[in-house]
Amino acid sequence: MKNMAHTLREKEKLILRVRRIRGQVEAIERALTEEKDCGDVLQLITAARGAMNGLMAELVEDHVRFHVLDSARKPTAEQAMAADELVEIVRSYLK
């Protein structure tokens, strides 16, 4: 459980995000079933992709901060700055 401590601490928040994403994917399915305009379907897909990317970015950031940086050994300022840069790169890539 130690390896997943950060996800357990944020479990409810993460589950709520996943449920919102599920709702967005269900909206895509409804739109396709109801033969909605392709522009509307594409907009729904874009929103779901954005939500999924946001979740991914959050989990990658937590992974870097809790697993790549060893908090028990107090990361150096240089390591912390490199981690911040990596997180920003990942976030900008996932936008």
N, C-alpha and C. Protein backbone atom coordinates (compact mmCIF):
# COMPACT_ATOMS: atom_id res chain seq x y z
N MET A 1 0.81 -1.21 0.00
CA MET A 1 0.00 0.00 0.00
C MET A 1 0.85 1.27 0.00
N LYS A 2 2.07 1.17 0.46
CA LYS A 2 2.95 2.34 0.52
C LYS A 2 3.11 2.97 -0.86
N ASN A 3 3.24 2.14 -1.89
CA ASN A 3 3.44 2.64 -3.24
C ASN A 3 2.24 3.44 -3.75
N MET A 4 1.07 3.15 -3.25
CA MET A 4 -0.14 3.80 -3.73
C MET A 4 -0.69 4.83 -2.74
N ALA A 5 0.10 5.21 -1.75
CA ALA A 5 -0.39 6.09 -0.69
C ALA A 5 -0.99 7.38 -1.24
N HIS A 6 -0.37 7.96 -2.25
CA HIS A 6 -0.89 9.23 -2.77
C HIS A 6 -2.22 9.04 -3.49
N THR A 7 -2.42 7.91 -4.18
CA THR A 7 -3.70 7.70 -4.84
C THR A 7 -4.77 7.34 -3.84
N LEU A 8 -4.40 6.65 -2.77
CA LEU A 8 -5.39 6.35 -1.73
C LEU A 8 -5.85 7.62 -1.04
N ARG A 9 -4.92 8.54 -0.81
CA ARG A 9 -5.25 9.80 -0.14
C ARG A 9 -6.20 10.62 -1.00
N GLU A 10 -6.05 10.55 -2.32
CA GLU A 10 -6.86 11.31 -3.25
C GLU A 10 -7.96 10.46 -3.89
N LYS A 11 -8.21 9.30 -3.32
CA LYS A 11 -9.10 8.32 -3.94
C LYS A 11 -10.47 8.88 -4.31
N GLU A 12 -11.14 9.53 -3.40
CA GLU A 12 -12.49 10.05 -3.68
C GLU A 12 -12.48 11.08 -4.81
N LYS A 13 -11.49 11.96 -4.79
CA LYS A 13 -11.39 12.97 -5.83
C LYS A 13 -11.15 12.32 -7.19
N LEU A 14 -10.26 11.33 -7.23
CA LEU A 14 -9.97 10.64 -8.48
C LEU A 14 -11.18 9.86 -8.98
N ILE A 15 -11.89 9.21 -8.08
CA ILE A 15 -13.08 8.45 -8.47
C ILE A 15 -14.14 9.39 -9.04
N LEU A 16 -14.32 10.56 -8.43
CA LEU A 16 -15.29 11.53 -8.96
C LEU A 16 -14.90 11.97 -10.37
N ARG A 17 -13.61 12.17 -10.60
CA ARG A 17 -13.17 12.55 -11.95
C ARG A 17 -13.45 11.44 -12.95
N VAL A 18 -13.20 10.20 -12.55
CA VAL A 18 -13.46 9.07 -13.43
C VAL A 18 -14.95 8.96 -13.73
N ARG A 19 -15.77 9.20 -12.74
CA ARG A 19 -17.22 9.15 -12.96
C ARG A 19 -17.68 10.24 -13.92
N ARG A 20 -17.08 11.42 -13.83
CA ARG A 20 -17.42 12.49 -14.78
C ARG A 20 -17.01 12.08 -16.19
N ILE A 21 -15.84 11.48 -16.30
CA ILE A 21 -15.37 11.01 -17.61
C ILE A 21 -16.32 9.95 -18.15
N ARG A 22 -16.75 9.03 -17.28
CA ARG A 22 -17.71 8.00 -17.71
C ARG A 22 -18.98 8.65 -18.23
N GLY A 23 -19.45 9.69 -17.55
CA GLY A 23 -20.63 10.41 -18.01
C GLY A 23 -20.41 11.05 -19.37
N GLN A 24 -19.21 11.57 -19.58
CA GLN A 24 -18.91 12.17 -20.88
C GLN A 24 -18.89 11.11 -21.99
N VAL A 25 -18.32 9.95 -21.69
CA VAL A 25 -18.28 8.88 -22.69
C VAL A 25 -19.70 8.37 -22.97
N GLU A 26 -20.53 8.28 -21.93
CA GLU A 26 -21.92 7.88 -22.15
C GLU A 26 -22.66 8.91 -23.00
N ALA A 27 -22.32 10.19 -22.83
CA ALA A 27 -22.94 11.23 -23.66
C ALA A 27 -22.54 11.06 -25.12
N ILE A 28 -21.31 10.63 -25.36
CA ILE A 28 -20.87 10.36 -26.74
C ILE A 28 -21.69 9.22 -27.31
N GLU A 29 -21.87 8.16 -26.53
CA GLU A 29 -22.66 7.02 -26.99
C GLU A 29 -24.09 7.43 -27.31
N ARG A 30 -24.69 8.24 -26.43
CA ARG A 30 -26.06 8.70 -26.67
C ARG A 30 -26.14 9.54 -27.94
N ALA A 31 -25.16 10.41 -28.12
CA ALA A 31 -25.16 11.27 -29.30
C ALA A 31 -25.07 10.43 -30.57
N LEU A 32 -24.25 9.39 -30.55
CA LEU A 32 -24.14 8.52 -31.72
C LEU A 32 -25.42 7.73 -31.94
N THR A 33 -26.01 7.24 -30.85
CA THR A 33 -27.25 6.48 -30.95
C THR A 33 -28.37 7.35 -31.50
N GLU A 34 -28.39 8.59 -31.06
CA GLU A 34 -29.44 9.53 -31.49
C GLU A 34 -29.10 10.21 -32.82
N GLU A 35 -28.00 9.80 -33.42
CA GLU A 35 -27.56 10.33 -34.71
C GLU A 35 -27.43 11.85 -34.70
N LYS A 36 -26.79 12.36 -33.65
CA LYS A 36 -26.54 13.81 -33.54
C LYS A 36 -25.55 14.24 -34.61
N ASP A 37 -25.52 15.53 -34.83
CA ASP A 37 -24.60 16.12 -35.80
C ASP A 37 -23.16 15.75 -35.45
N CYS A 38 -22.34 15.46 -36.48
CA CYS A 38 -20.97 15.02 -36.22
C CYS A 38 -20.16 16.09 -35.48
N GLY A 39 -20.47 17.35 -35.70
CA GLY A 39 -19.79 18.42 -34.97
C GLY A 39 -20.04 18.33 -33.48
N ASP A 40 -21.27 18.02 -33.12
CA ASP A 40 -21.62 17.86 -31.70
C ASP A 40 -20.90 16.66 -31.09
N VAL A 41 -20.83 15.57 -31.85
CA VAL A 41 -20.15 14.36 -31.37
C VAL A 41 -18.65 14.65 -31.19
N LEU A 42 -18.08 15.33 -32.14
CA LEU A 42 -16.65 15.67 -32.04
C LEU A 42 -16.37 16.56 -30.83
N GLN A 43 -17.28 17.46 -30.56
CA GLN A 43 -17.12 18.34 -29.39
C GLN A 43 -17.18 17.52 -28.10
N LEU A 44 -18.09 16.55 -28.04
CA LEU A 44 -18.17 15.68 -26.86
C LEU A 44 -16.89 14.85 -26.70
N ILE A 45 -16.37 14.35 -27.81
CA ILE A 45 -15.13 13.56 -27.76
C ILE A 45 -13.97 14.43 -27.28
N THR A 46 -13.91 15.64 -27.76
CA THR A 46 -12.85 16.56 -27.35
C THR A 46 -12.90 16.83 -25.85
N ALA A 47 -14.10 17.03 -25.34
CA ALA A 47 -14.26 17.28 -23.90
C ALA A 47 -13.83 16.05 -23.09
N ALA A 48 -14.21 14.87 -23.54
CA ALA A 48 -13.84 13.64 -22.82
C ALA A 48 -12.33 13.44 -22.88
N ARG A 49 -11.74 13.70 -24.03
CA ARG A 49 -10.29 13.56 -24.16
C ARG A 49 -9.57 14.54 -23.23
N GLY A 50 -10.06 15.76 -23.16
CA GLY A 50 -9.47 16.75 -22.26
C GLY A 50 -9.56 16.32 -20.81
N ALA A 51 -10.69 15.76 -20.43
CA ALA A 51 -10.86 15.29 -19.05
C ALA A 51 -9.92 14.13 -18.76
N MET A 52 -9.79 13.22 -19.71
CA MET A 52 -8.89 12.07 -19.54
C MET A 52 -7.44 12.55 -19.46
N ASN A 53 -7.07 13.50 -20.31
CA ASN A 53 -5.70 14.03 -20.27
C ASN A 53 -5.42 14.75 -18.95
N GLY A 54 -6.41 15.45 -18.42
CA GLY A 54 -6.25 16.11 -17.13
C GLY A 54 -6.01 15.11 -16.02
N LEU A 55 -6.76 14.03 -16.04
CA LEU A 55 -6.57 12.97 -15.05
C LEU A 55 -5.18 12.36 -15.20
N MET A 56 -4.78 12.09 -16.43
CA MET A 56 -3.45 11.53 -16.68
C MET A 56 -2.36 12.46 -16.17
N ALA A 57 -2.48 13.75 -16.44
CA ALA A 57 -1.47 14.71 -16.00
C ALA A 57 -1.37 14.73 -14.49
N GLU A 58 -2.50 14.69 -13.81
CA GLU A 58 -2.50 14.70 -12.35
C GLU A 58 -1.80 13.46 -11.79
N LEU A 59 -2.10 12.31 -12.36
CA LEU A 59 -1.49 11.07 -11.88
C LEU A 59 0.00 11.02 -12.21
N VAL A 60 0.39 11.51 -13.37
CA VAL A 60 1.82 11.55 -13.71
C VAL A 60 2.56 12.47 -12.74
N GLU A 61 1.97 13.62 -12.45
CA GLU A 61 2.60 14.55 -11.51
C GLU A 61 2.78 13.90 -10.14
N ASP A 62 1.74 13.26 -9.65
CA ASP A 62 1.86 12.57 -8.36
C ASP A 62 2.90 11.47 -8.41
N HIS A 63 2.95 10.76 -9.52
CA HIS A 63 3.93 9.69 -9.65
C HIS A 63 5.35 10.25 -9.58
N VAL A 64 5.59 11.35 -10.28
CA VAL A 64 6.92 11.96 -10.26
C VAL A 64 7.25 12.42 -8.85
N ARG A 65 6.32 13.08 -8.21
CA ARG A 65 6.60 13.64 -6.88
C ARG A 65 6.74 12.57 -5.79
N PHE A 66 6.02 11.46 -5.91
CA PHE A 66 6.04 10.46 -4.85
C PHE A 66 6.90 9.24 -5.14
N HIS A 67 7.21 9.00 -6.42
CA HIS A 67 7.97 7.79 -6.75
C HIS A 67 9.32 8.10 -7.40
N VAL A 68 9.36 9.09 -8.26
CA VAL A 68 10.62 9.42 -8.92
C VAL A 68 11.51 10.19 -7.94
N LEU A 69 10.95 11.21 -7.31
CA LEU A 69 11.67 11.91 -6.25
C LEU A 69 11.48 11.12 -4.97
N ASP A 70 12.52 10.85 -4.29
CA ASP A 70 12.44 10.10 -3.03
C ASP A 70 12.25 11.09 -1.89
N SER A 71 10.99 11.28 -1.48
CA SER A 71 10.70 12.28 -0.45
C SER A 71 11.36 11.93 0.88
N ALA A 72 11.64 10.66 1.12
CA ALA A 72 12.30 10.25 2.36
C ALA A 72 13.74 10.76 2.41
N ARG A 73 14.32 11.00 1.22
CA ARG A 73 15.72 11.45 1.16
C ARG A 73 15.82 12.94 0.86
N LYS A 74 14.73 13.66 0.94
CA LYS A 74 14.69 15.11 0.71
C LYS A 74 15.40 15.49 -0.59
N PRO A 75 14.64 15.61 -1.69
CA PRO A 75 15.25 15.94 -2.98
C PRO A 75 15.99 17.27 -2.94
N THR A 76 17.04 17.36 -3.73
CA THR A 76 17.78 18.62 -3.83
C THR A 76 16.92 19.63 -4.58
N ALA A 77 17.32 20.88 -4.49
CA ALA A 77 16.60 21.94 -5.21
C ALA A 77 16.65 21.67 -6.71
N GLU A 78 17.78 21.16 -7.18
CA GLU A 78 17.93 20.85 -8.61
C GLU A 78 16.98 19.73 -9.02
N GLN A 79 16.87 18.70 -8.20
CA GLN A 79 15.96 17.60 -8.50
C GLN A 79 14.51 18.08 -8.50
N ALA A 80 14.16 18.91 -7.53
CA ALA A 80 12.79 19.44 -7.45
C ALA A 80 12.48 20.29 -8.66
N MET A 81 13.45 21.10 -9.10
CA MET A 81 13.23 21.94 -10.28
C MET A 81 13.09 21.08 -11.53
N ALA A 82 13.90 20.04 -11.65
CA ALA A 82 13.80 19.13 -12.79
C ALA A 82 12.44 18.44 -12.80
N ALA A 83 11.95 18.05 -11.63
CA ALA A 83 10.63 17.41 -11.53
C ALA A 83 9.55 18.39 -11.95
N ASP A 84 9.65 19.64 -11.51
CA ASP A 84 8.67 20.66 -11.90
C ASP A 84 8.67 20.86 -13.42
N GLU A 85 9.86 20.90 -14.01
CA GLU A 85 9.96 21.06 -15.46
C GLU A 85 9.32 19.88 -16.18
N LEU A 86 9.59 18.68 -15.70
CA LEU A 86 9.01 17.48 -16.31
C LEU A 86 7.49 17.51 -16.23
N VAL A 87 6.97 17.87 -15.08
CA VAL A 87 5.52 17.93 -14.90
C VAL A 87 4.92 18.96 -15.85
N GLU A 88 5.55 20.12 -16.00
CA GLU A 88 5.05 21.14 -16.92
C GLU A 88 5.08 20.67 -18.36
N ILE A 89 6.12 19.96 -18.74
CA ILE A 89 6.21 19.43 -20.10
C ILE A 89 5.07 18.43 -20.35
N VAL A 90 4.86 17.53 -19.40
CA VAL A 90 3.79 16.54 -19.55
C VAL A 90 2.44 17.24 -19.63
N ARG A 91 2.20 18.21 -18.75
CA ARG A 91 0.92 18.93 -18.77
C ARG A 91 0.71 19.65 -20.10
N SER A 92 1.76 20.29 -20.62
CA SER A 92 1.59 21.02 -21.89
C SER A 92 1.37 20.03 -23.03
N TYR A 93 2.01 18.87 -22.97
CA TYR A 93 1.83 17.86 -24.01
C TYR A 93 0.41 17.33 -23.99
N LEU A 94 -0.17 17.17 -22.82
CA LEU A 94 -1.49 16.58 -22.70
C LEU A 94 -2.63 17.58 -22.92
N LYS A 95 -2.31 18.84 -23.14
CA LYS A 95 -3.36 19.85 -23.39
C LYS A 95 -4.01 19.62 -24.72
